[in-house]
Amino acid sequence: MILVGLDLGEKRIGVSVSDQEGLFAHPRPAIVCSKGEQHKKLVELMLIERPVEIVIGHPLELSGKRGERALWVEKFCDKLRGHFSAYPELKGVKLTLWDERLSSVQAERALLAAGHSGSKLKSMTDSLSATIILESYLSKR
């Protein structure tokens, strides 16, 4: 039972994939693409991974309210469901929004503590954030 975690961004999408048992999350390289290619790239990834569920970081405000960014993610997910409908093997994939507050901060701090910096830090932060999101979800299940 594979689950995929995503940390959505307009230029990069952090990716994490669970093990077959759905117990542990493992970071994958971030997807780097132009704004119009995001859904296509995610469909390609999901056709390879074949998850039963995709856990998507929901960037709520610290107060818990849905701000502009959270609304963007919600619309992105609606469009992604539409793209999935064209593929019979993806129609049953569940999309779950999961509170991601401070996951990027936590990921960046962990990478800085490990001695990473510079341009590589950002691309690593995206997928580590996706891993934190997915691990959080897996631990609550």
C-alpha atoms as a PDB file:
ATOM      1  CA  MET A   1       0.000   0.000   0.000  1.00  0.00           C
ATOM      2  CA  ILE A   2       2.069   2.899  -1.323  1.00  0.00           C
ATOM      3  CA  LEU A   3       1.355   6.474  -0.245  1.00  0.00           C
ATOM      4  CA  VAL A   4       2.911   9.564  -1.793  1.00  0.00           C
ATOM      5  CA  GLY A   5       3.529  12.823   0.049  1.00  0.00           C
ATOM      6  CA  LEU A   6       3.686  16.133  -1.801  1.00  0.00           C
ATOM      7  CA  ASP A   7       4.814  19.616  -0.835  1.00  0.00           C
ATOM      8  CA  LEU A   8       3.364  21.745  -3.627  1.00  0.00           C
ATOM      9  CA  GLY A   9       5.089  24.778  -5.025  1.00  0.00           C
ATOM     10  CA  GLU A  10       4.744  26.716  -8.240  1.00  0.00           C
ATOM     11  CA  LYS A  11       8.267  25.847  -9.470  1.00  0.00           C
ATOM     12  CA  ARG A  12       9.132  22.750  -7.445  1.00  0.00           C
ATOM     13  CA  ILE A  13       7.116  19.936  -5.917  1.00  0.00           C
ATOM     14  CA  GLY A  14       8.676  18.037  -3.043  1.00  0.00           C
ATOM     15  CA  VAL A  15       8.029  14.299  -3.231  1.00  0.00           C
ATOM     16  CA  SER A  16       8.128  11.500  -0.708  1.00  0.00           C
ATOM     17  CA  VAL A  17       7.031   7.877  -1.151  1.00  0.00           C
ATOM     18  CA  SER A  18       6.173   5.358   1.543  1.00  0.00           C
ATOM     19  CA  ASP A  19       7.390   1.804   1.722  1.00  0.00           C
ATOM     20  CA  GLN A  20       4.994  -0.967   0.615  1.00  0.00           C
ATOM     21  CA  GLU A  21       3.629  -1.356   4.150  1.00  0.00           C
ATOM     22  CA  GLY A  22       2.874   2.358   4.464  1.00  0.00           C
ATOM     23  CA  LEU A  23       5.068   2.737   7.547  1.00  0.00           C
ATOM     24  CA  PHE A  24       8.011   4.892   6.486  1.00  0.00           C
ATOM     25  CA  ALA A  25       8.418   7.860   4.137  1.00  0.00           C
ATOM     26  CA  HIS A  26      11.412   8.229   1.831  1.00  0.00           C
ATOM     27  CA  PRO A  27      12.292  11.473   0.021  1.00  0.00           C
ATOM     28  CA  ARG A  28      12.522  11.456  -3.762  1.00  0.00           C
ATOM     29  CA  PRO A  29      13.982  14.151  -5.996  1.00  0.00           C
ATOM     30  CA  ALA A  30      11.778  17.207  -6.235  1.00  0.00           C
ATOM     31  CA  ILE A  31       9.859  17.714  -9.453  1.00  0.00           C
ATOM     32  CA  VAL A  32      11.038  20.878 -11.170  1.00  0.00           C
ATOM     33  CA  CYS A  33       8.736  22.129 -13.886  1.00  0.00           C
ATOM     34  CA  SER A  34       7.071  25.153 -15.365  1.00  0.00           C
ATOM     35  CA  LYS A  35       3.656  26.211 -14.092  1.00  0.00           C
ATOM     36  CA  GLY A  36       1.719  24.499 -16.902  1.00  0.00           C
ATOM     37  CA  GLU A  37       3.480  21.134 -16.571  1.00  0.00           C
ATOM     38  CA  GLN A  38       2.878  20.394 -12.875  1.00  0.00           C
ATOM     39  CA  HIS A  39      -0.210  18.206 -13.276  1.00  0.00           C
ATOM     40  CA  LYS A  40       1.306  16.313 -16.213  1.00  0.00           C
ATOM     41  CA  LYS A  41       4.480  15.547 -14.237  1.00  0.00           C
ATOM     42  CA  LEU A  42       2.437  14.379 -11.243  1.00  0.00           C
ATOM     43  CA  VAL A  43       0.307  12.090 -13.426  1.00  0.00           C
ATOM     44  CA  GLU A  44       3.518  10.569 -14.825  1.00  0.00           C
ATOM     45  CA  LEU A  45       4.885  10.023 -11.315  1.00  0.00           C
ATOM     46  CA  MET A  46       1.649   8.455 -10.062  1.00  0.00           C
ATOM     47  CA  LEU A  47       1.489   6.076 -13.023  1.00  0.00           C
ATOM     48  CA  ILE A  48       4.933   4.848 -11.946  1.00  0.00           C
ATOM     49  CA  GLU A  49       4.379   4.747  -8.171  1.00  0.00           C
ATOM     50  CA  ARG A  50       0.739   3.577  -8.222  1.00  0.00           C
ATOM     51  CA  PRO A  51      -0.189   4.938  -4.778  1.00  0.00           C
ATOM     52  CA  VAL A  52      -3.482   4.259  -3.038  1.00  0.00           C
ATOM     53  CA  GLU A  53      -3.347   7.715  -1.478  1.00  0.00           C
ATOM     54  CA  ILE A  54      -1.583  11.034  -2.005  1.00  0.00           C
ATOM     55  CA  VAL A  55      -1.027  13.191   1.067  1.00  0.00           C
ATOM     56  CA  ILE A  56      -0.690  16.835   0.067  1.00  0.00           C
ATOM     57  CA  GLY A  57       0.633  19.515   2.367  1.00  0.00           C
ATOM     58  CA  HIS A  58      -2.131  21.997   3.201  1.00  0.00           C
ATOM     59  CA  PRO A  59      -0.457  25.312   4.081  1.00  0.00           C
ATOM     60  CA  LEU A  60      -2.844  26.646   6.680  1.00  0.00           C
ATOM     61  CA  GLU A  61      -1.978  29.880   8.439  1.00  0.00           C
ATOM     62  CA  LEU A  62      -0.568  29.620  11.957  1.00  0.00           C
ATOM     63  CA  SER A  63      -4.043  30.514  13.235  1.00  0.00           C
ATOM     64  CA  GLY A  64      -5.433  27.464  11.401  1.00  0.00           C
ATOM     65  CA  LYS A  65      -7.329  29.556   8.858  1.00  0.00           C
ATOM     66  CA  ARG A  66      -7.233  28.940   5.123  1.00  0.00           C
ATOM     67  CA  GLY A  67      -5.273  31.713   3.483  1.00  0.00           C
ATOM     68  CA  GLU A  68      -4.438  32.443  -0.139  1.00  0.00           C
ATOM     69  CA  ARG A  69      -1.826  29.684  -0.351  1.00  0.00           C
ATOM     70  CA  ALA A  70      -4.164  27.036   1.118  1.00  0.00           C
ATOM     71  CA  LEU A  71      -6.857  27.998  -1.380  1.00  0.00           C
ATOM     72  CA  TRP A  72      -4.304  27.671  -4.216  1.00  0.00           C
ATOM     73  CA  VAL A  73      -3.447  24.139  -3.034  1.00  0.00           C
ATOM     74  CA  GLU A  74      -7.138  23.213  -2.857  1.00  0.00           C
ATOM     75  CA  LYS A  75      -7.716  24.397  -6.438  1.00  0.00           C
ATOM     76  CA  PHE A  76      -4.562  22.564  -7.555  1.00  0.00           C
ATOM     77  CA  CYS A  77      -5.944  19.344  -6.038  1.00  0.00           C
ATOM     78  CA  ASP A  78      -9.280  19.773  -7.803  1.00  0.00           C
ATOM     79  CA  LYS A  79      -7.460  20.107 -11.127  1.00  0.00           C
ATOM     80  CA  LEU A  80      -5.279  17.096 -10.307  1.00  0.00           C
ATOM     81  CA  ARG A  81      -8.405  14.975  -9.679  1.00  0.00           C
ATOM     82  CA  GLY A  82      -9.607  16.028 -13.114  1.00  0.00           C
ATOM     83  CA  HIS A  83      -6.352  14.922 -14.724  1.00  0.00           C
ATOM     84  CA  PHE A  84      -6.501  11.597 -12.857  1.00  0.00           C
ATOM     85  CA  SER A  85      -9.989  10.920 -14.236  1.00  0.00           C
ATOM     86  CA  ALA A  86      -8.472  10.375 -17.698  1.00  0.00           C
ATOM     87  CA  TYR A  87      -6.507   7.380 -16.378  1.00  0.00           C
ATOM     88  CA  PRO A  88      -8.482   4.362 -15.132  1.00  0.00           C
ATOM     89  CA  GLU A  89      -5.557   3.254 -12.932  1.00  0.00           C
ATOM     90  CA  LEU A  90      -5.593   6.612 -11.100  1.00  0.00           C
ATOM     91  CA  LYS A  91      -9.352   7.139 -10.662  1.00  0.00           C
ATOM     92  CA  GLY A  92      -9.454   5.523  -7.212  1.00  0.00           C
ATOM     93  CA  VAL A  93      -6.425   7.327  -5.778  1.00  0.00           C
ATOM     94  CA  LYS A  94      -7.430   9.234  -2.660  1.00  0.00           C
ATOM     95  CA  LEU A  95      -6.173  12.823  -2.295  1.00  0.00           C
ATOM     96  CA  THR A  96      -5.789  13.930   1.317  1.00  0.00           C
ATOM     97  CA  LEU A  97      -4.939  17.464   2.426  1.00  0.00           C
ATOM     98  CA  TRP A  98      -2.738  17.399   5.532  1.00  0.00           C
ATOM     99  CA  ASP A  99      -1.771  20.319   7.748  1.00  0.00           C
ATOM    100  CA  GLU A 100       1.786  21.228   6.850  1.00  0.00           C
ATOM    101  CA  ARG A 101       2.343  24.197   9.131  1.00  0.00           C
ATOM    102  CA  LEU A 102       6.073  24.678   9.751  1.00  0.00           C
ATOM    103  CA  SER A 103       7.144  21.548   7.816  1.00  0.00           C
ATOM    104  CA  SER A 104       9.409  23.636   5.533  1.00  0.00           C
ATOM    105  CA  VAL A 105      10.959  25.389   8.527  1.00  0.00           C
ATOM    106  CA  GLN A 106      11.547  22.032  10.228  1.00  0.00           C
ATOM    107  CA  ALA A 107      13.105  20.590   7.052  1.00  0.00           C
ATOM    108  CA  GLU A 108      15.376  23.583   6.484  1.00  0.00           C
ATOM    109  CA  ARG A 109      16.595  23.536  10.084  1.00  0.00           C
ATOM    110  CA  ALA A 110      17.386  19.824   9.850  1.00  0.00           C
ATOM    111  CA  LEU A 111      19.345  20.322   6.621  1.00  0.00           C
ATOM    112  CA  LEU A 112      21.255  23.318   7.999  1.00  0.00           C
ATOM    113  CA  ALA A 113      22.119  21.317  11.120  1.00  0.00           C
ATOM    114  CA  ALA A 114      23.446  18.573   8.842  1.00  0.00           C
ATOM    115  CA  GLY A 115      25.740  21.097   7.133  1.00  0.00           C
ATOM    116  CA  HIS A 116      23.839  21.676   3.889  1.00  0.00           C
ATOM    117  CA  SER A 117      23.625  25.155   2.396  1.00  0.00           C
ATOM    118  CA  GLY A 118      23.394  27.095  -0.846  1.00  0.00           C
ATOM    119  CA  SER A 119      21.286  26.284  -3.885  1.00  0.00           C
ATOM    120  CA  LYS A 120      21.104  22.575  -3.085  1.00  0.00           C
ATOM    121  CA  LEU A 121      19.405  23.407   0.220  1.00  0.00           C
ATOM    122  CA  LYS A 122      16.151  24.565  -1.429  1.00  0.00           C
ATOM    123  CA  SER A 123      15.686  21.494  -3.622  1.00  0.00           C
ATOM    124  CA  MET A 124      16.435  19.225  -0.673  1.00  0.00           C
ATOM    125  CA  THR A 125      14.065  21.194   1.570  1.00  0.00           C
ATOM    126  CA  ASP A 126      11.090  20.548  -0.725  1.00  0.00           C
ATOM    127  CA  SER A 127      11.372  16.768  -0.633  1.00  0.00           C
ATOM    128  CA  LEU A 128      12.292  16.674   3.044  1.00  0.00           C
ATOM    129  CA  SER A 129       9.166  18.770   3.718  1.00  0.00           C
ATOM    130  CA  ALA A 130       7.130  16.223   1.734  1.00  0.00           C
ATOM    131  CA  THR A 131       8.703  13.484   3.847  1.00  0.00           C
ATOM    132  CA  ILE A 132       7.817  15.297   7.085  1.00  0.00           C
ATOM    133  CA  ILE A 133       4.237  15.750   5.853  1.00  0.00           C
ATOM    134  CA  LEU A 134       3.909  12.080   4.900  1.00  0.00           C
ATOM    135  CA  GLU A 135       5.573  10.828   8.113  1.00  0.00           C
ATOM    136  CA  SER A 136       3.217  12.989  10.168  1.00  0.00           C
ATOM    137  CA  TYR A 137       0.221  11.520   8.351  1.00  0.00           C
ATOM    138  CA  LEU A 138       1.503   7.945   8.671  1.00  0.00           C
ATOM    139  CA  SER A 139       2.105   8.338  12.400  1.00  0.00           C
ATOM    140  CA  LYS A 140      -1.479   9.609  12.953  1.00  0.00           C
ATOM    141  CA  ARG A 141      -3.054   6.685  11.063  1.00  0.00           C
END
